[in-house]
Amino acid sequence: MNGWEKVRVRDHLTGAVRTTTRVRAVLDGHTILEDRPAVDENGQPLPPKPHTILNPDRDERGRFTKSKEDA
């Protein structure tokens, strides 16, 4: 395996899925997703896929509440 090959990783800080080199992924401590393609049919890196929270915090009435970062 070439350490400079492009791989798809899950960012351990944000949860986003993105493309980087195998060396950078190991150095940064990201999870390498071996089963996902990292480049398109033209050899270009795939765009990042941001992590979104599907079920945010709600109050007792079902309204969205502000996160601790927004307060």
N, C-alpha and C. Protein backbone atom coordinates (compact mmCIF):
# COMPACT_ATOMS: atom_id res chain seq x y z
N MET A 1 0.83 -1.19 0.00
CA MET A 1 0.00 0.00 0.00
C MET A 1 0.87 1.25 0.00
N ASN A 2 0.46 2.21 -0.78
CA ASN A 2 1.15 3.48 -0.86
C ASN A 2 0.58 4.41 0.22
N GLY A 3 1.42 5.00 1.04
CA GLY A 3 0.97 5.89 2.10
C GLY A 3 0.37 7.18 1.60
N TRP A 4 0.63 7.51 0.33
CA TRP A 4 0.12 8.76 -0.23
C TRP A 4 -1.17 8.56 -1.02
N GLU A 5 -1.69 7.34 -1.02
CA GLU A 5 -2.95 7.11 -1.72
C GLU A 5 -4.10 7.83 -1.01
N LYS A 6 -5.11 8.20 -1.77
CA LYS A 6 -6.27 8.88 -1.21
C LYS A 6 -7.19 7.86 -0.56
N VAL A 7 -7.67 8.19 0.64
CA VAL A 7 -8.60 7.33 1.37
C VAL A 7 -9.74 8.19 1.91
N ARG A 8 -10.85 7.54 2.17
CA ARG A 8 -12.00 8.21 2.77
C ARG A 8 -11.92 7.99 4.27
N VAL A 9 -12.10 9.07 5.06
CA VAL A 9 -11.97 8.98 6.51
C VAL A 9 -13.15 9.64 7.20
N ARG A 10 -13.38 9.24 8.45
CA ARG A 10 -14.33 9.92 9.31
C ARG A 10 -13.51 10.74 10.29
N ASP A 11 -13.72 12.07 10.24
CA ASP A 11 -13.00 12.99 11.11
C ASP A 11 -13.40 12.73 12.56
N HIS A 12 -12.44 12.48 13.43
CA HIS A 12 -12.74 12.13 14.82
C HIS A 12 -13.23 13.32 15.63
N LEU A 13 -13.02 14.55 15.15
CA LEU A 13 -13.49 15.73 15.88
C LEU A 13 -14.90 16.15 15.47
N THR A 14 -15.18 16.14 14.17
CA THR A 14 -16.45 16.64 13.68
C THR A 14 -17.43 15.56 13.26
N GLY A 15 -16.93 14.36 12.98
CA GLY A 15 -17.79 13.29 12.49
C GLY A 15 -18.01 13.34 10.99
N ALA A 16 -17.44 14.34 10.32
CA ALA A 16 -17.59 14.47 8.87
C ALA A 16 -16.80 13.39 8.16
N VAL A 17 -17.24 13.05 6.95
CA VAL A 17 -16.54 12.09 6.11
C VAL A 17 -15.88 12.89 5.00
N ARG A 18 -14.56 12.67 4.82
CA ARG A 18 -13.83 13.43 3.81
C ARG A 18 -12.70 12.59 3.23
N THR A 19 -12.06 13.12 2.19
CA THR A 19 -10.96 12.44 1.53
C THR A 19 -9.65 13.08 1.94
N THR A 20 -8.66 12.25 2.22
CA THR A 20 -7.31 12.71 2.55
C THR A 20 -6.34 11.60 2.19
N THR A 21 -5.06 11.81 2.45
CA THR A 21 -4.09 10.75 2.21
C THR A 21 -4.04 9.81 3.41
N ARG A 22 -3.60 8.59 3.15
CA ARG A 22 -3.50 7.61 4.23
C ARG A 22 -2.54 8.08 5.32
N VAL A 23 -1.43 8.70 4.94
CA VAL A 23 -0.46 9.20 5.91
C VAL A 23 -1.10 10.25 6.81
N ARG A 24 -1.81 11.22 6.22
CA ARG A 24 -2.43 12.29 7.00
C ARG A 24 -3.52 11.73 7.92
N ALA A 25 -4.26 10.75 7.44
CA ALA A 25 -5.32 10.14 8.25
C ALA A 25 -4.74 9.47 9.49
N VAL A 26 -3.65 8.74 9.31
CA VAL A 26 -3.02 8.05 10.45
C VAL A 26 -2.44 9.07 11.41
N LEU A 27 -1.76 10.09 10.90
CA LEU A 27 -1.16 11.11 11.76
C LEU A 27 -2.21 11.88 12.55
N ASP A 28 -3.36 12.15 11.94
CA ASP A 28 -4.42 12.91 12.60
C ASP A 28 -5.32 12.04 13.46
N GLY A 29 -5.20 10.72 13.37
CA GLY A 29 -6.00 9.83 14.19
C GLY A 29 -7.41 9.61 13.70
N HIS A 30 -7.66 9.82 12.40
CA HIS A 30 -8.99 9.62 11.84
C HIS A 30 -9.25 8.14 11.58
N THR A 31 -10.53 7.77 11.50
CA THR A 31 -10.92 6.41 11.17
C THR A 31 -10.95 6.26 9.65
N ILE A 32 -10.16 5.34 9.12
CA ILE A 32 -10.12 5.11 7.67
C ILE A 32 -11.28 4.21 7.29
N LEU A 33 -12.06 4.64 6.30
CA LEU A 33 -13.22 3.89 5.82
C LEU A 33 -12.81 3.15 4.55
N GLU A 34 -12.27 1.96 4.72
CA GLU A 34 -11.73 1.19 3.59
C GLU A 34 -12.79 0.81 2.57
N ASP A 35 -14.05 0.71 2.98
CA ASP A 35 -15.10 0.26 2.07
C ASP A 35 -15.70 1.39 1.23
N ARG A 36 -15.23 2.61 1.40
CA ARG A 36 -15.79 3.74 0.64
C ARG A 36 -14.78 4.28 -0.35
N PRO A 37 -15.23 4.62 -1.56
CA PRO A 37 -14.29 5.20 -2.54
C PRO A 37 -13.89 6.61 -2.11
N ALA A 38 -12.66 7.00 -2.41
CA ALA A 38 -12.14 8.31 -2.03
C ALA A 38 -12.09 9.28 -3.20
N VAL A 39 -12.09 8.74 -4.43
CA VAL A 39 -12.01 9.58 -5.62
C VAL A 39 -13.11 9.18 -6.61
N ASP A 40 -13.44 10.13 -7.49
CA ASP A 40 -14.46 9.84 -8.51
C ASP A 40 -13.83 9.14 -9.71
N GLU A 41 -14.60 8.96 -10.78
CA GLU A 41 -14.11 8.23 -11.96
C GLU A 41 -13.00 8.97 -12.69
N ASN A 42 -12.82 10.28 -12.41
CA ASN A 42 -11.75 11.06 -13.01
C ASN A 42 -10.52 11.17 -12.11
N GLY A 43 -10.55 10.53 -10.95
CA GLY A 43 -9.42 10.57 -10.05
C GLY A 43 -9.41 11.78 -9.12
N GLN A 44 -10.49 12.56 -9.13
CA GLN A 44 -10.58 13.73 -8.27
C GLN A 44 -11.17 13.34 -6.91
N PRO A 45 -10.67 13.94 -5.81
CA PRO A 45 -11.22 13.61 -4.49
C PRO A 45 -12.71 13.93 -4.40
N LEU A 46 -13.45 13.06 -3.73
CA LEU A 46 -14.88 13.32 -3.53
C LEU A 46 -15.06 14.47 -2.54
N PRO A 47 -16.14 15.23 -2.66
CA PRO A 47 -16.37 16.33 -1.73
C PRO A 47 -16.65 15.83 -0.32
N PRO A 48 -16.37 16.65 0.69
CA PRO A 48 -16.64 16.24 2.06
C PRO A 48 -18.13 16.09 2.31
N LYS A 49 -18.45 15.23 3.24
CA LYS A 49 -19.84 15.00 3.64
C LYS A 49 -19.95 15.39 5.11
N PRO A 50 -20.48 16.59 5.39
CA PRO A 50 -20.51 17.04 6.78
C PRO A 50 -21.45 16.21 7.65
N HIS A 51 -21.13 16.17 8.92
CA HIS A 51 -21.95 15.44 9.89
C HIS A 51 -23.04 16.38 10.39
N THR A 52 -24.28 15.94 10.35
CA THR A 52 -25.38 16.74 10.88
C THR A 52 -26.11 15.96 11.96
N ILE A 53 -26.58 16.67 12.95
CA ILE A 53 -27.33 16.04 14.03
C ILE A 53 -28.77 15.91 13.58
N LEU A 54 -29.27 14.69 13.52
CA LEU A 54 -30.62 14.48 13.01
C LEU A 54 -31.68 14.67 14.08
N ASN A 55 -31.33 14.53 15.33
CA ASN A 55 -32.29 14.65 16.40
C ASN A 55 -31.77 15.64 17.46
N PRO A 56 -31.84 16.96 17.19
CA PRO A 56 -31.31 17.93 18.15
C PRO A 56 -32.14 17.98 19.43
N ASP A 57 -31.58 18.60 20.45
CA ASP A 57 -32.27 18.70 21.74
C ASP A 57 -33.56 19.51 21.62
N ARG A 58 -34.59 19.06 22.33
CA ARG A 58 -35.88 19.76 22.35
C ARG A 58 -36.32 19.93 23.79
N ASP A 59 -37.14 20.95 24.02
CA ASP A 59 -37.66 21.15 25.38
C ASP A 59 -38.92 20.30 25.57
N GLU A 60 -39.60 20.47 26.72
CA GLU A 60 -40.77 19.63 27.03
C GLU A 60 -41.94 19.86 26.07
N ARG A 61 -41.95 20.99 25.35
CA ARG A 61 -43.02 21.27 24.37
C ARG A 61 -42.64 20.83 22.97
N GLY A 62 -41.45 20.28 22.81
CA GLY A 62 -41.02 19.83 21.49
C GLY A 62 -40.33 20.90 20.66
N ARG A 63 -40.08 22.07 21.24
CA ARG A 63 -39.39 23.13 20.52
C ARG A 63 -37.88 22.90 20.59
N PHE A 64 -37.19 23.34 19.56
CA PHE A 64 -35.74 23.22 19.56
C PHE A 64 -35.16 24.11 20.65
N THR A 65 -34.16 23.60 21.35
CA THR A 65 -33.50 24.39 22.39
C THR A 65 -32.11 24.79 21.90
N LYS A 66 -31.58 25.86 22.45
CA LYS A 66 -30.27 26.30 22.08
C LYS A 66 -29.23 25.34 22.67
N SER A 67 -28.20 25.10 21.89
CA SER A 67 -27.13 24.25 22.42
C SER A 67 -26.27 25.06 23.37
N LYS A 68 -25.43 24.39 24.11
CA LYS A 68 -24.58 25.06 25.09
C LYS A 68 -23.62 26.03 24.40
N GLU A 69 -23.21 25.74 23.17
CA GLU A 69 -22.31 26.64 22.45
C GLU A 69 -23.00 27.95 22.08
N ASP A 70 -24.33 27.89 21.82
CA ASP A 70 -25.08 29.10 21.41
C ASP A 70 -25.42 29.98 22.60
N ALA A 71 -25.45 29.44 23.80
CA ALA A 71 -25.87 30.20 24.98
C ALA A 71 -24.84 31.20 25.41
